[in-house]
Protein backbone atom coordinates (compact mmCIF):
# COMPACT_ATOMS: atom_id res chain seq x y z
CA MET A 1 11.62 13.81 -26.91
CA SER A 2 14.66 13.25 -24.72
CA HIS A 3 14.24 11.35 -21.47
CA GLN A 4 16.47 10.30 -18.61
CA ILE A 5 16.18 8.58 -15.25
CA ILE A 6 18.08 10.28 -12.44
CA ARG A 7 18.56 9.47 -8.78
CA LEU A 8 16.65 11.79 -6.46
CA LEU A 9 18.95 13.46 -3.97
CA PRO A 10 17.35 13.95 -0.54
CA GLN A 11 17.86 17.71 -0.68
CA ASP A 12 15.90 17.84 -3.96
CA PHE A 13 12.77 16.16 -2.55
CA HIS A 14 10.79 19.40 -2.05
CA LYS A 15 11.56 20.82 -5.48
CA THR A 16 11.11 17.57 -7.45
CA CYS A 17 8.39 15.34 -5.97
CA PRO A 18 5.61 17.98 -5.89
CA ASP A 19 5.85 18.09 -9.70
CA ILE A 20 4.79 14.43 -9.75
CA TRP A 21 2.49 13.87 -6.75
CA ASP A 22 0.64 15.91 -4.15
CA THR A 23 3.09 15.97 -1.23
CA VAL A 24 0.79 18.29 0.76
CA LYS A 25 -2.29 16.06 0.47
CA HIS A 26 -0.14 13.06 1.40
CA ALA A 27 1.90 14.88 4.06
CA PRO A 28 2.41 11.96 6.51
CA PHE A 29 3.71 9.74 3.71
CA ALA A 30 5.77 12.61 2.26
CA GLY A 31 7.44 13.12 5.64
CA GLN A 32 8.26 9.43 5.95
CA PHE A 33 9.49 9.39 2.34
CA GLU A 34 11.85 12.30 2.98
CA ARG A 35 13.17 10.85 6.27
CA GLU A 36 13.87 7.54 4.52
CA LEU A 37 15.74 9.32 1.72
CA TYR A 38 17.98 11.08 4.23
CA SER A 39 18.55 7.92 6.29
CA GLY A 40 19.45 5.86 3.21
CA ASN A 41 16.56 3.44 3.77
CA ARG A 42 14.99 4.63 0.50
CA ILE A 43 16.44 5.46 -2.87
CA ALA A 44 14.26 7.11 -5.47
CA TYR A 45 14.59 7.71 -9.18
CA ILE A 46 12.93 10.41 -11.24
CA TYR A 47 11.92 10.00 -14.87
CA GLN A 48 12.38 13.24 -16.79
CA ILE A 49 11.36 14.25 -20.29
CA ASN A 50 13.20 17.30 -21.61
CA GLY A 51 14.14 18.14 -18.01
CA GLU A 52 10.54 17.97 -16.74
CA ASN A 53 9.77 15.64 -13.80
CA ILE A 54 7.24 13.09 -15.06
CA ALA A 55 7.40 10.00 -12.84
CA GLU A 56 9.07 8.48 -9.83
CA ILE A 57 9.82 5.08 -8.34
CA SER A 58 11.68 4.14 -5.20
CA MET A 59 13.09 1.15 -3.38
CA VAL A 60 12.98 0.67 0.38
CA PHE A 61 15.40 -1.61 2.20
CA ASP A 62 13.83 -2.00 5.68
CA GLU A 63 10.04 -1.96 5.87
CA ASP A 64 9.94 -3.87 9.20
CA ASP A 65 7.83 -6.56 7.51
CA PRO A 66 9.53 -9.74 6.25
CA ASP A 67 6.99 -10.00 3.43
CA TYR A 68 8.38 -6.73 2.09
CA THR A 69 12.04 -6.68 3.12
CA ILE A 70 14.71 -9.11 4.29
CA GLU A 71 18.12 -7.64 4.96
CA ASP A 72 20.51 -8.10 1.99
CA GLN A 73 17.97 -10.37 0.26
CA ARG A 74 14.66 -8.64 -0.43
CA ALA A 75 13.88 -4.98 -1.14
CA TYR A 76 10.50 -3.33 -1.54
CA ILE A 77 9.36 -1.26 -4.52
CA SER A 78 7.55 1.74 -3.16
CA HIS A 79 5.57 4.50 -4.74
CA LEU A 80 5.62 4.17 -8.49
CA VAL A 81 3.73 7.19 -9.77
CA VAL A 82 3.44 8.62 -13.28
CA ARG A 83 1.77 11.96 -13.88
CA ARG A 84 -1.72 11.38 -15.25
CA GLU A 85 -1.10 12.95 -18.66
CA TYR A 86 1.88 10.62 -19.26
CA ARG A 87 0.25 7.32 -18.27
CA ARG A 88 -0.15 4.40 -20.66
CA GLN A 89 3.03 5.31 -22.54
CA GLY A 90 5.32 2.63 -21.07
CA ILE A 91 7.00 4.92 -18.54
CA GLY A 92 5.86 2.87 -15.54
CA ARG A 93 7.13 -0.34 -17.13
CA GLU A 94 10.45 1.32 -17.95
CA LEU A 95 10.83 2.44 -14.32
CA VAL A 96 9.91 -1.00 -12.93
CA ASN A 97 12.50 -2.65 -15.17
CA PHE A 98 15.02 0.03 -14.22
CA ILE A 99 14.53 -0.60 -10.48
CA ILE A 100 14.72 -4.38 -11.01
CA ASP A 101 18.13 -3.88 -12.65
CA ARG A 102 19.29 -1.58 -9.81
CA ALA A 103 18.21 -4.14 -7.19
CA ALA A 104 20.13 -6.89 -8.99
CA GLU A 105 23.23 -4.67 -9.23
CA MET A 106 22.97 -4.08 -5.46
CA GLY A 107 22.90 -7.83 -4.83
CA TYR A 108 19.23 -8.25 -3.92
CA LYS A 109 17.72 -11.61 -4.85
CA GLU A 110 14.07 -10.60 -4.51
CA LEU A 111 11.78 -7.60 -4.87
CA SER A 112 8.35 -7.20 -3.33
CA ILE A 113 5.43 -4.89 -4.00
CA GLY A 114 2.10 -4.18 -2.33
CA ILE A 115 -0.82 -3.33 -4.62
CA ASP A 116 -4.44 -2.42 -3.93
CA LEU A 117 -6.65 -5.25 -5.18
CA ASN A 118 -8.75 -2.83 -7.23
CA ASN A 119 -5.71 -1.38 -9.03
CA TYR A 120 -5.90 -3.70 -12.04
CA PRO A 121 -3.47 -1.76 -14.27
CA ALA A 122 -0.76 -1.94 -11.56
CA ILE A 123 -1.37 -5.64 -10.93
CA ARG A 124 -1.10 -6.34 -14.65
CA LEU A 125 2.09 -4.26 -14.97
CA TYR A 126 3.86 -6.02 -12.10
CA VAL A 127 2.77 -9.51 -13.17
CA GLU A 128 4.02 -8.79 -16.71
CA CYS A 129 7.33 -7.63 -15.18
CA GLY A 130 7.75 -10.98 -13.41
CA PHE A 131 6.15 -10.43 -10.01
CA ASP A 132 4.55 -13.85 -10.22
CA LYS A 133 4.34 -15.08 -6.63
CA VAL A 134 1.48 -13.96 -4.39
CA ILE A 135 2.79 -13.91 -0.81
CA PHE A 136 -0.17 -12.24 0.91
CA ILE A 137 -3.75 -11.16 0.29
CA GLY A 138 -5.42 -9.15 3.02
CA LYS A 139 -6.92 -5.94 4.22
CA ASP A 140 -5.78 -2.95 6.25
CA GLU A 141 -7.18 0.48 7.08
CA GLN A 142 -6.69 1.53 3.43
CA GLY A 143 -8.50 -1.46 1.92
CA GLU A 144 -7.81 -4.82 0.34
CA TYR A 145 -4.38 -5.44 -1.13
CA LEU A 146 -1.94 -8.13 -2.15
CA LYS A 147 1.81 -8.52 -1.89
CA LEU A 148 3.71 -9.88 -4.87
CA LEU A 149 7.27 -11.17 -5.07
CA LYS A 150 9.79 -11.37 -7.91
CA THR A 151 13.05 -13.26 -7.97
CA VAL A 152 15.68 -10.91 -9.41
């Protein structure tokens, strides 16, 4: 099985992301995602196996929340998703490590992530990848969550 990680071009959003996640069901987020790609506030990477879109991860540079982003210092990992049939194969971990390396190459000193408190597999993944500082635990309209920080 041959795999590669490629950068998602904004113009490819509509033909790539629906392979991985339901962009219709999550239309408000999908619209924001696409606008951020075009503005340069978000970069996204696609994990492909034999040319098939399997997973995606992105990094956001201005989230208008200093817990998540600080200009030229802290970026935010957004929207790691692996298609259900490919989970628990190390793809998520590979993408997290990939984005950590990209952030370091871009000069960022820190990365942040927000995770639902009941998403134990994601919490475990990020802690194992070095997101070892809890900077916030709280609740919003979507439920309880925490914010983690990693020094790059």
